[in-house]
Amino acid sequence: MEKSVVVKNLTKRYKLYNNKSEKLKDVFFPKDYGEPFYALRNVSFEADHGDVIGFVGVNGSGKSTLSNIIAGIVPPTSGEVLIDGQASLIAVAAGVNNELTGRENIELKCLMLGFTKDQIKVLEPKIIEFSELGKFIDQPVKSYSSGMKSRLGFGISVHTDPDVLIIDEALSVGDKAFADKCLAKMEEFKERGKTMFFVSHSIGQMKQFCQKGIWIEHGQVKMIGSINEVLSSYEEFLKTYNKMSPEEKQAFREKGFES
């Protein structure tokens, strides 16, 4: 592929139900039950090899849904995502089995990615050291804090060396020292020409790390451009949005979910 990632007319539609009975009836009569909910609608963009792109938008705008579809975790309703290579998502608890220990999660994830047992033996201590989980590595992940889960996910993803890396709020939990360590690892990936998508509420991290920006609003692309251009417009919008009441914010978010 000439491009690293190509997203074409991506739409993700869910259905909202008033109760379990309505959800069951929708299986047999899909046109009669459930309210359409569009998390994404006709999203299109391209990423070159080596691009570092920040997704911005208020909560509920569709950023995480887009991240999950690019990573192959959630299927789109329509449209397509073409990726040159393997994509990996780093998000709190993404792809982590709560019933397994941290070590077992490392081994399972690596096996699923096609690594041999000998390769896993080499990778495992590096992942454990990076994640700084110590003795907790042999405890069930369900006992981990959100920060510990993020450490484990980040450690696995960066050491399995994906072609496309998606970081979704993974640095928003835990301590600053570990966040700085992760950013340094991401800078290393950046220098190696990896394609990365970065979702964060930290404007400072966006400006520091990203080259391009995509503003998602109501599940649609509102703006694509340099990170400084996009953030400048987005910050102007936030001045108005942050003055809204909770009810006004809810109404604003729901506006884009209408069929």
Protein backbone atom coordinates (compact mmCIF):
# COMPACT_ATOMS: atom_id res chain seq x y z
CA MET A 1 0.00 0.00 0.00
CA GLU A 2 1.13 3.52 -0.81
CA LYS A 3 -0.68 4.83 2.28
CA SER A 4 -0.35 3.45 5.80
CA VAL A 5 -4.06 3.71 6.67
CA VAL A 6 -7.05 4.47 4.44
CA VAL A 7 -10.47 4.99 6.01
CA LYS A 8 -13.37 5.10 3.53
CA ASN A 9 -16.94 6.17 4.32
CA LEU A 10 -16.83 4.56 7.75
CA THR A 11 -20.17 4.33 9.56
CA LYS A 12 -20.94 2.63 12.86
CA ARG A 13 -24.56 2.29 13.90
CA TYR A 14 -25.78 0.81 17.17
CA LYS A 15 -29.30 0.42 18.49
CA LEU A 16 -30.64 1.66 21.80
CA TYR A 17 -33.31 -0.38 23.59
CA ASN A 18 -35.68 0.53 26.40
CA ASN A 19 -35.47 -2.96 27.92
CA LYS A 20 -34.18 -6.51 27.34
CA SER A 21 -37.49 -7.61 25.84
CA GLU A 22 -37.22 -4.98 23.13
CA LYS A 23 -33.67 -6.11 22.34
CA LEU A 24 -34.83 -9.72 21.96
CA LYS A 25 -37.73 -8.71 19.70
CA ASP A 26 -35.30 -6.79 17.51
CA VAL A 27 -33.56 -10.06 16.62
CA PHE A 28 -36.74 -11.22 14.86
CA PHE A 29 -38.15 -7.86 13.79
CA PRO A 30 -35.08 -5.60 13.28
CA LYS A 31 -37.04 -2.82 11.57
CA ASP A 32 -39.57 -2.45 14.35
CA TYR A 33 -37.53 -2.24 17.54
CA GLY A 34 -34.58 -0.20 18.78
CA GLU A 35 -33.56 3.41 18.24
CA PRO A 36 -30.65 3.97 15.79
CA PHE A 37 -27.52 5.42 17.37
CA TYR A 38 -24.76 6.61 15.00
CA ALA A 39 -21.38 6.62 16.72
CA LEU A 40 -19.70 7.37 13.37
CA ARG A 41 -21.11 8.49 10.05
CA ASN A 42 -19.25 8.58 6.69
CA VAL A 43 -15.78 9.14 8.16
CA SER A 44 -12.99 9.26 5.56
CA PHE A 45 -9.28 10.15 5.79
CA GLU A 46 -5.83 8.83 4.90
CA ALA A 47 -2.59 8.50 6.85
CA ASP A 48 0.88 8.35 5.34
CA HIS A 49 3.63 6.13 6.71
CA GLY A 50 5.17 7.94 9.68
CA ASP A 51 2.16 10.19 10.36
CA VAL A 52 1.35 10.94 14.00
CA ILE A 53 -2.30 12.02 14.09
CA GLY A 54 -4.26 13.28 17.07
CA PHE A 55 -8.01 12.66 17.37
CA VAL A 56 -9.81 15.44 19.25
CA GLY A 57 -13.45 15.85 20.20
CA VAL A 58 -15.64 15.98 23.30
CA ASN A 59 -16.70 12.81 25.12
CA GLY A 60 -19.17 10.89 22.97
CA SER A 61 -17.93 12.33 19.69
CA GLY A 62 -16.81 8.93 18.34
CA LYS A 63 -13.03 8.99 18.92
CA SER A 64 -12.84 5.69 20.79
CA THR A 65 -15.22 3.96 18.39
CA LEU A 66 -12.99 5.07 15.51
CA SER A 67 -9.89 3.83 17.38
CA ASN A 68 -11.47 0.43 18.00
CA ILE A 69 -12.49 0.02 14.36
CA ILE A 70 -9.01 0.94 13.07
CA ALA A 71 -7.55 -1.59 15.50
CA GLY A 72 -9.92 -4.28 14.22
CA ILE A 73 -11.64 -4.75 17.58
CA VAL A 74 -15.04 -3.44 16.50
CA PRO A 75 -16.48 -4.07 13.00
CA PRO A 76 -17.94 -1.12 11.06
CA THR A 77 -21.57 -1.10 9.97
CA SER A 78 -20.45 0.08 6.54
CA GLY A 79 -17.33 1.46 4.89
CA GLU A 80 -13.84 0.03 5.21
CA VAL A 81 -10.42 0.46 6.81
CA LEU A 82 -7.31 -0.55 4.86
CA ILE A 83 -4.07 -0.93 6.84
CA ASP A 84 -0.57 -1.61 5.59
CA GLY A 85 0.51 -4.09 8.26
CA GLN A 86 -0.65 -4.83 11.79
CA ALA A 87 -2.45 -2.37 14.08
CA SER A 88 -2.43 -2.41 17.87
CA LEU A 89 -4.63 -0.48 20.29
CA ILE A 90 -3.36 0.73 23.65
CA ALA A 91 -6.27 1.62 25.92
CA VAL A 92 -7.15 0.89 29.52
CA ALA A 93 -7.99 -2.83 29.67
CA ALA A 94 -8.22 -3.16 25.88
CA GLY A 95 -7.61 -6.76 24.88
CA VAL A 96 -6.84 -7.79 28.47
CA ASN A 97 -8.49 -10.87 30.00
CA ASN A 98 -9.44 -10.04 33.59
CA GLU A 99 -9.48 -13.68 34.66
CA LEU A 100 -5.87 -14.30 33.61
CA THR A 101 -2.72 -13.05 35.32
CA GLY A 102 -0.59 -10.33 33.77
CA ARG A 103 1.98 -12.92 32.69
CA GLU A 104 -0.69 -15.14 31.14
CA ASN A 105 -2.07 -12.14 29.26
CA ILE A 106 1.38 -11.43 27.84
CA GLU A 107 1.78 -15.02 26.65
CA LEU A 108 -1.74 -15.22 25.21
CA LYS A 109 -1.49 -11.91 23.34
CA CYS A 110 1.90 -12.81 21.87
CA LEU A 111 0.68 -16.24 20.77
CA MET A 112 -2.34 -14.64 19.09
CA LEU A 113 0.04 -12.33 17.20
CA GLY A 114 2.01 -15.30 15.88
CA PHE A 115 5.09 -15.20 18.13
CA THR A 116 6.79 -18.51 18.89
CA LYS A 117 7.36 -19.74 22.45
CA ASP A 118 11.06 -18.97 22.13
CA GLN A 119 10.32 -15.42 20.98
CA ILE A 120 7.89 -14.95 23.87
CA LYS A 121 10.59 -16.06 26.34
CA VAL A 122 12.75 -13.19 25.07
CA LEU A 123 9.92 -10.61 25.02
CA GLU A 124 8.25 -11.46 28.33
CA PRO A 125 10.92 -10.12 30.74
CA LYS A 126 11.22 -6.93 28.66
CA ILE A 127 7.45 -6.37 28.83
CA ILE A 128 7.37 -7.05 32.58
CA GLU A 129 10.28 -4.68 33.20
CA PHE A 130 8.68 -1.92 31.12
CA SER A 131 5.29 -2.28 32.81
CA GLU A 132 6.84 -2.02 36.30
CA LEU A 133 4.22 -4.39 37.72
CA GLY A 134 6.67 -6.38 39.85
CA LYS A 135 5.05 -9.18 41.86
CA PHE A 136 1.61 -8.20 40.54
CA ILE A 137 2.50 -9.72 37.17
CA ASP A 138 1.38 -13.11 38.54
CA GLN A 139 -1.88 -11.79 40.01
CA PRO A 140 -5.24 -11.83 38.15
CA VAL A 141 -5.74 -8.68 36.08
CA LYS A 142 -9.18 -8.20 37.68
CA SER A 143 -7.29 -7.11 40.82
CA TYR A 144 -5.34 -4.41 38.90
CA SER A 145 -6.06 -0.70 39.05
CA SER A 146 -6.82 1.09 35.76
CA GLY A 147 -3.26 2.41 35.77
CA MET A 148 -1.80 -1.07 36.14
CA LYS A 149 -3.94 -2.38 33.29
CA SER A 150 -2.73 0.50 31.13
CA ARG A 151 0.89 -0.31 31.99
CA LEU A 152 0.40 -3.94 31.00
CA GLY A 153 -1.36 -3.05 27.73
CA PHE A 154 1.25 -0.45 26.82
CA GLY A 155 4.11 -2.82 27.60
CA ILE A 156 2.66 -5.60 25.44
CA SER A 157 1.80 -3.34 22.49
CA VAL A 158 5.10 -1.48 22.15
CA HIS A 159 7.18 -4.66 22.45
CA THR A 160 5.21 -6.58 19.82
CA ASP A 161 6.26 -3.84 17.36
CA PRO A 162 3.02 -3.08 15.42
CA ASP A 163 3.04 -1.11 12.18
CA VAL A 164 0.19 1.15 13.32
CA LEU A 165 -0.18 2.15 16.97
CA ILE A 166 -3.40 3.61 18.41
CA ILE A 167 -3.12 5.17 21.88
CA ASP A 168 -6.56 5.91 23.39
CA GLU A 169 -6.33 7.80 26.71
CA ALA A 170 -3.78 5.21 27.91
CA LEU A 171 -1.62 7.95 29.42
CA SER A 172 -4.47 9.55 31.37
CA VAL A 173 -4.16 7.04 34.21
CA GLY A 174 -1.16 6.33 36.41
CA ASP A 175 1.75 8.53 37.37
CA LYS A 176 3.57 11.17 35.34
CA ALA A 177 6.87 9.28 35.41
CA PHE A 178 5.35 6.31 33.60
CA ALA A 179 3.52 8.60 31.16
CA ASP A 180 6.86 10.25 30.30
CA LYS A 181 8.39 6.80 29.81
CA CYS A 182 5.60 5.90 27.41
CA LEU A 183 5.96 9.17 25.50
CA ALA A 184 9.68 8.46 25.11
CA LYS A 185 8.86 5.03 23.67
CA MET A 186 6.36 6.65 21.31
CA GLU A 187 9.02 9.13 20.20
CA GLU A 188 11.20 6.13 19.35
CA PHE A 189 8.39 4.70 17.22
CA LYS A 190 7.95 8.10 15.60
CA GLU A 191 11.63 8.19 14.60
CA ARG A 192 11.27 4.71 13.09
CA GLY A 193 8.48 5.93 10.83
CA LYS A 194 5.59 4.14 12.55
CA THR A 195 2.09 5.47 12.00
CA MET A 196 0.35 6.50 15.22
CA PHE A 197 -3.06 7.76 16.26
CA PHE A 198 -3.26 9.53 19.59
CA VAL A 199 -6.44 10.16 21.60
CA SER A 200 -6.00 12.38 24.64
CA HIS A 201 -7.69 15.23 26.49
CA SER A 202 -4.23 16.67 27.10
CA ILE A 203 -3.77 19.53 24.62
CA GLY A 204 -0.13 19.78 25.74
CA GLN A 205 0.59 16.14 24.85
CA MET A 206 -1.14 16.61 21.50
CA LYS A 207 0.99 19.65 20.63
CA GLN A 208 4.16 17.89 21.80
CA PHE A 209 3.62 14.65 19.99
CA CYS A 210 1.33 14.97 16.96
CA GLN A 211 1.90 16.44 13.50
CA LYS A 212 -1.66 16.29 12.18
CA GLY A 213 -5.07 16.51 13.80
CA ILE A 214 -8.56 15.20 13.06
CA TRP A 215 -11.48 16.80 14.89
CA ILE A 216 -14.42 14.42 15.30
CA GLU A 217 -17.79 15.96 16.15
CA HIS A 218 -21.12 14.10 16.25
CA GLY A 219 -19.39 11.06 14.76
CA GLN A 220 -18.26 12.99 11.68
CA VAL A 221 -15.02 14.61 10.58
CA LYS A 222 -15.30 18.33 11.25
CA MET A 223 -11.71 19.30 10.44
CA ILE A 224 -8.43 17.78 9.22
CA GLY A 225 -5.17 19.72 9.17
CA SER A 226 -1.93 20.42 10.99
CA ILE A 227 -2.19 19.75 14.73
CA ASN A 228 -1.78 23.47 15.53
CA GLU A 229 -4.56 24.49 13.13
CA VAL A 230 -6.96 21.85 14.39
CA LEU A 231 -6.24 22.50 18.07
CA SER A 232 -6.62 26.24 17.60
CA SER A 233 -10.14 25.80 16.19
CA TYR A 234 -11.01 23.09 18.72
CA GLU A 235 -9.91 25.21 21.69
CA GLU A 236 -12.09 28.07 20.44
CA PHE A 237 -15.03 25.66 20.33
CA LEU A 238 -14.27 24.43 23.87
CA LYS A 239 -14.64 27.97 25.23
CA THR A 240 -18.30 27.79 24.24
CA TYR A 241 -18.83 24.12 25.06
CA ASN A 242 -17.40 24.42 28.57
CA LYS A 243 -19.90 27.16 29.38
CA MET A 244 -22.84 24.88 28.60
CA SER A 245 -24.91 23.34 31.38
CA PRO A 246 -24.83 19.52 31.77
CA GLU A 247 -28.23 19.36 30.05
CA GLU A 248 -27.01 21.50 27.13
CA LYS A 249 -23.89 19.33 26.74
CA GLN A 250 -26.03 16.18 26.69
CA ALA A 251 -28.33 17.68 24.07
CA PHE A 252 -25.32 18.70 21.97
CA ARG A 253 -23.86 15.17 22.07
CA GLU A 254 -27.21 13.54 21.23
CA LYS A 255 -27.72 15.82 18.26
CA GLY A 256 -25.38 13.77 16.14
CA PHE A 257 -26.91 10.42 17.10
CA GLU A 258 -30.24 11.03 15.46
CA SER A 259 -31.03 8.85 12.47
